C-alpha atoms as a PDB file:
ATOM      1  CA  MET A   1     -59.171   8.079 -60.520  1.00  0.00           C
ATOM      2  CA  PRO A   2     -59.776   5.200 -57.772  1.00  0.00           C
ATOM      3  CA  THR A   3     -61.852   2.074 -59.000  1.00  0.00           C
ATOM      4  CA  ARG A   4     -64.233   1.699 -56.474  1.00  0.00           C
ATOM      5  CA  GLN A   5     -63.922  -0.924 -53.922  1.00  0.00           C
ATOM      6  CA  PRO A   6     -67.285  -2.843 -52.332  1.00  0.00           C
ATOM      7  CA  CYS A   7     -68.394  -2.329 -49.075  1.00  0.00           C
ATOM      8  CA  SER A   8     -68.674  -6.411 -48.896  1.00  0.00           C
ATOM      9  CA  ARG A   9     -64.498  -5.803 -48.612  1.00  0.00           C
ATOM     10  CA  TYR A  10     -64.767  -3.785 -45.776  1.00  0.00           C
ATOM     11  CA  PRO A  11     -69.113  -4.633 -44.215  1.00  0.00           C
ATOM     12  CA  ASP A  12     -68.211  -2.892 -41.136  1.00  0.00           C
ATOM     13  CA  ASP A  13     -67.381   0.960 -43.239  1.00  0.00           C
ATOM     14  CA  SER A  14     -70.871  -0.189 -45.827  1.00  0.00           C
ATOM     15  CA  PRO A  15     -73.814   2.648 -44.542  1.00  0.00           C
ATOM     16  CA  ALA A  16     -75.323  -1.060 -43.123  1.00  0.00           C
ATOM     17  CA  GLY A  17     -72.484  -1.615 -40.865  1.00  0.00           C
ATOM     18  CA  LEU A  18     -71.956   2.522 -39.488  1.00  0.00           C
ATOM     19  CA  LYS A  19     -75.759   2.710 -38.986  1.00  0.00           C
ATOM     20  CA  LEU A  20     -75.430  -0.579 -36.814  1.00  0.00           C
ATOM     21  CA  MET A  21     -72.178   1.373 -35.181  1.00  0.00           C
ATOM     22  CA  ALA A  22     -73.696   4.808 -34.328  1.00  0.00           C
ATOM     23  CA  ARG A  23     -76.856   3.350 -32.571  1.00  0.00           C
ATOM     24  CA  GLU A  24     -74.642   1.114 -30.720  1.00  0.00           C
ATOM     25  CA  ALA A  25     -72.403   3.761 -30.008  1.00  0.00           C
ATOM     26  CA  GLY A  26     -75.036   5.711 -29.026  1.00  0.00           C
ATOM     27  CA  PHE A  27     -74.517   8.306 -31.371  1.00  0.00           C
ATOM     28  CA  GLN A  28     -76.928  11.402 -31.230  1.00  0.00           C
ATOM     29  CA  PHE A  29     -75.035  13.403 -34.856  1.00  0.00           C
ATOM     30  CA  PRO A  30     -75.071  12.208 -38.236  1.00  0.00           C
ATOM     31  CA  VAL A  31     -72.248  10.136 -40.000  1.00  0.00           C
ATOM     32  CA  LEU A  32     -71.512  10.777 -42.654  1.00  0.00           C
ATOM     33  CA  PHE A  33     -70.468   7.930 -45.706  1.00  0.00           C
ATOM     34  CA  ASP A  34     -68.057   8.850 -47.961  1.00  0.00           C
ATOM     35  CA  GLU A  35     -68.520   6.653 -50.757  1.00  0.00           C
ATOM     36  CA  THR A  36     -66.504   8.346 -53.671  1.00  0.00           C
ATOM     37  CA  GLN A  37     -63.719   9.803 -50.624  1.00  0.00           C
ATOM     38  CA  ALA A  38     -63.925  13.115 -51.891  1.00  0.00           C
ATOM     39  CA  VAL A  39     -64.524  14.288 -48.814  1.00  0.00           C
ATOM     40  CA  ALA A  40     -61.814  12.627 -47.079  1.00  0.00           C
ATOM     41  CA  ARG A  41     -59.375  13.450 -50.052  1.00  0.00           C
ATOM     42  CA  ALA A  42     -60.492  16.835 -49.386  1.00  0.00           C
ATOM     43  CA  TYR A  43     -59.571  17.722 -46.051  1.00  0.00           C
ATOM     44  CA  ASP A  44     -56.092  15.538 -46.163  1.00  0.00           C
ATOM     45  CA  ALA A  45     -58.421  13.624 -43.647  1.00  0.00           C
ATOM     46  CA  VAL A  46     -55.896  10.160 -42.717  1.00  0.00           C
ATOM     47  CA  CYS A  47     -57.807   8.296 -40.118  1.00  0.00           C
ATOM     48  CA  THR A  48     -60.836   7.383 -38.628  1.00  0.00           C
ATOM     49  CA  PRO A  49     -62.369   9.465 -36.494  1.00  0.00           C
ATOM     50  CA  ASP A  50     -60.564  12.812 -37.741  1.00  0.00           C
ATOM     51  CA  PHE A  51     -62.574  15.005 -36.650  1.00  0.00           C
ATOM     52  CA  PHE A  52     -63.337  18.836 -38.286  1.00  0.00           C
ATOM     53  CA  PHE A  53     -65.026  21.645 -36.553  1.00  0.00           C
ATOM     54  CA  PHE A  54     -65.247  25.009 -38.198  1.00  0.00           C
ATOM     55  CA  ASP A  55     -66.718  27.887 -37.600  1.00  0.00           C
ATOM     56  CA  ARG A  56     -69.349  30.653 -37.890  1.00  0.00           C
ATOM     57  CA  GLU A  57     -67.771  31.598 -40.791  1.00  0.00           C
ATOM     58  CA  ARG A  58     -67.359  28.201 -41.681  1.00  0.00           C
ATOM     59  CA  ARG A  59     -63.601  28.080 -41.469  1.00  0.00           C
ATOM     60  CA  LEU A  60     -61.377  25.846 -39.798  1.00  0.00           C
ATOM     61  CA  VAL A  61     -61.185  26.229 -35.787  1.00  0.00           C
ATOM     62  CA  TYR A  62     -60.017  22.546 -35.082  1.00  0.00           C
ATOM     63  CA  ARG A  63     -58.492  19.874 -36.308  1.00  0.00           C
ATOM     64  CA  GLY A  64     -57.605  17.132 -34.047  1.00  0.00           C
ATOM     65  CA  GLN A  65     -58.909  14.048 -31.674  1.00  0.00           C
ATOM     66  CA  LEU A  66     -61.753  13.692 -30.281  1.00  0.00           C
ATOM     67  CA  ASP A  67     -59.789  13.535 -26.600  1.00  0.00           C
ATOM     68  CA  ASP A  68     -56.792  11.297 -25.369  1.00  0.00           C
ATOM     69  CA  SER A  69     -59.076   7.856 -24.599  1.00  0.00           C
ATOM     70  CA  ARG A  70     -57.902   4.837 -27.365  1.00  0.00           C
ATOM     71  CA  PRO A  71     -59.551   1.555 -27.269  1.00  0.00           C
ATOM     72  CA  ASN A  72     -59.236  -0.474 -24.232  1.00  0.00           C
ATOM     73  CA  ARG A  73     -57.162   2.207 -22.835  1.00  0.00           C
ATOM     74  CA  GLY A  74     -59.497   5.158 -20.751  1.00  0.00           C
ATOM     75  CA  VAL A  75     -62.952   6.563 -21.330  1.00  0.00           C
ATOM     76  CA  SER A  76     -64.010   8.532 -23.470  1.00  0.00           C
ATOM     77  CA  ASP A  77     -65.504  11.991 -22.983  1.00  0.00           C
ATOM     78  CA  GLY A  78     -64.986  13.879 -25.794  1.00  0.00           C
ATOM     79  CA  ARG A  79     -62.488  16.674 -23.610  1.00  0.00           C
ATOM     80  CA  ASP A  80     -60.583  18.638 -26.857  1.00  0.00           C
ATOM     81  CA  LEU A  81     -63.053  18.501 -29.381  1.00  0.00           C
ATOM     82  CA  ARG A  82     -66.019  19.274 -26.885  1.00  0.00           C
ATOM     83  CA  ALA A  83     -63.498  22.362 -25.768  1.00  0.00           C
ATOM     84  CA  ALA A  84     -62.751  23.818 -29.264  1.00  0.00           C
ATOM     85  CA  ILE A  85     -66.896  24.522 -29.679  1.00  0.00           C
ATOM     86  CA  ASP A  86     -67.219  25.444 -26.544  1.00  0.00           C
ATOM     87  CA  ALA A  87     -64.802  28.651 -27.109  1.00  0.00           C
ATOM     88  CA  ALA A  88     -66.160  28.530 -30.865  1.00  0.00           C
ATOM     89  CA  LEU A  89     -70.197  29.440 -28.822  1.00  0.00           C
ATOM     90  CA  GLU A  90     -68.451  31.914 -26.901  1.00  0.00           C
ATOM     91  CA  GLY A  91     -67.094  33.601 -29.207  1.00  0.00           C
ATOM     92  CA  LYS A  92     -63.283  33.171 -27.891  1.00  0.00           C
ATOM     93  CA  PRO A  93     -60.506  31.727 -29.654  1.00  0.00           C
ATOM     94  CA  VAL A  94     -60.043  27.810 -30.482  1.00  0.00           C
ATOM     95  CA  SER A  95     -56.662  27.209 -28.441  1.00  0.00           C
ATOM     96  CA  PRO A  96     -53.853  26.198 -31.433  1.00  0.00           C
ATOM     97  CA  LYS A  97     -52.863  23.357 -29.099  1.00  0.00           C
ATOM     98  CA  GLN A  98     -55.003  20.307 -31.730  1.00  0.00           C
ATOM     99  CA  THR A  99     -53.837  17.102 -30.938  1.00  0.00           C
ATOM    100  CA  PRO A 100     -53.722  15.010 -34.058  1.00  0.00           C
ATOM    101  CA  SER A 101     -56.805  12.183 -34.419  1.00  0.00           C
ATOM    102  CA  SER A 102     -55.097   8.280 -33.875  1.00  0.00           C
ATOM    103  CA  GLY A 103     -57.567   5.878 -35.650  1.00  0.00           C
ATOM    104  CA  CYS A 104     -57.305   3.467 -38.137  1.00  0.00           C
ATOM    105  CA  GLY A 105     -56.358   4.445 -41.170  1.00  0.00           C
ATOM    106  CA  ILE A 106     -58.477   5.368 -44.730  1.00  0.00           C
ATOM    107  CA  LYS A 107     -58.467   2.319 -46.538  1.00  0.00           C
ATOM    108  CA  TRP A 108     -58.237   4.646 -49.453  1.00  0.00           C
ATOM    109  CA  LYS A 109     -59.775   3.037 -53.149  1.00  0.00           C
ATOM    110  CA  LYS A 110     -57.129   2.572 -55.467  1.00  0.00           C
END
């Protein structure tokens, strides 16, 4: 079983750091702090952000990037995740073409 690494090693990843980041970015959704990394391991997450979208029957219908923007390249508009959400809300199938997320690798606890 992994041992805990204190948030002091990665202060931006602490609950306080995430709260500040969410406020500065204007997030209108909750942000998960996965202290034990059990959720990340259960879903085989590989980076942050890594998006998982489930339909009404709680089936995973989308796993991929928010959009094709990258830091210092492009403006984020969430089009990939939004397309999956819109399709599910309209009762249509979510496109199987899903681009994996690209972001900071998860700092796994040892």
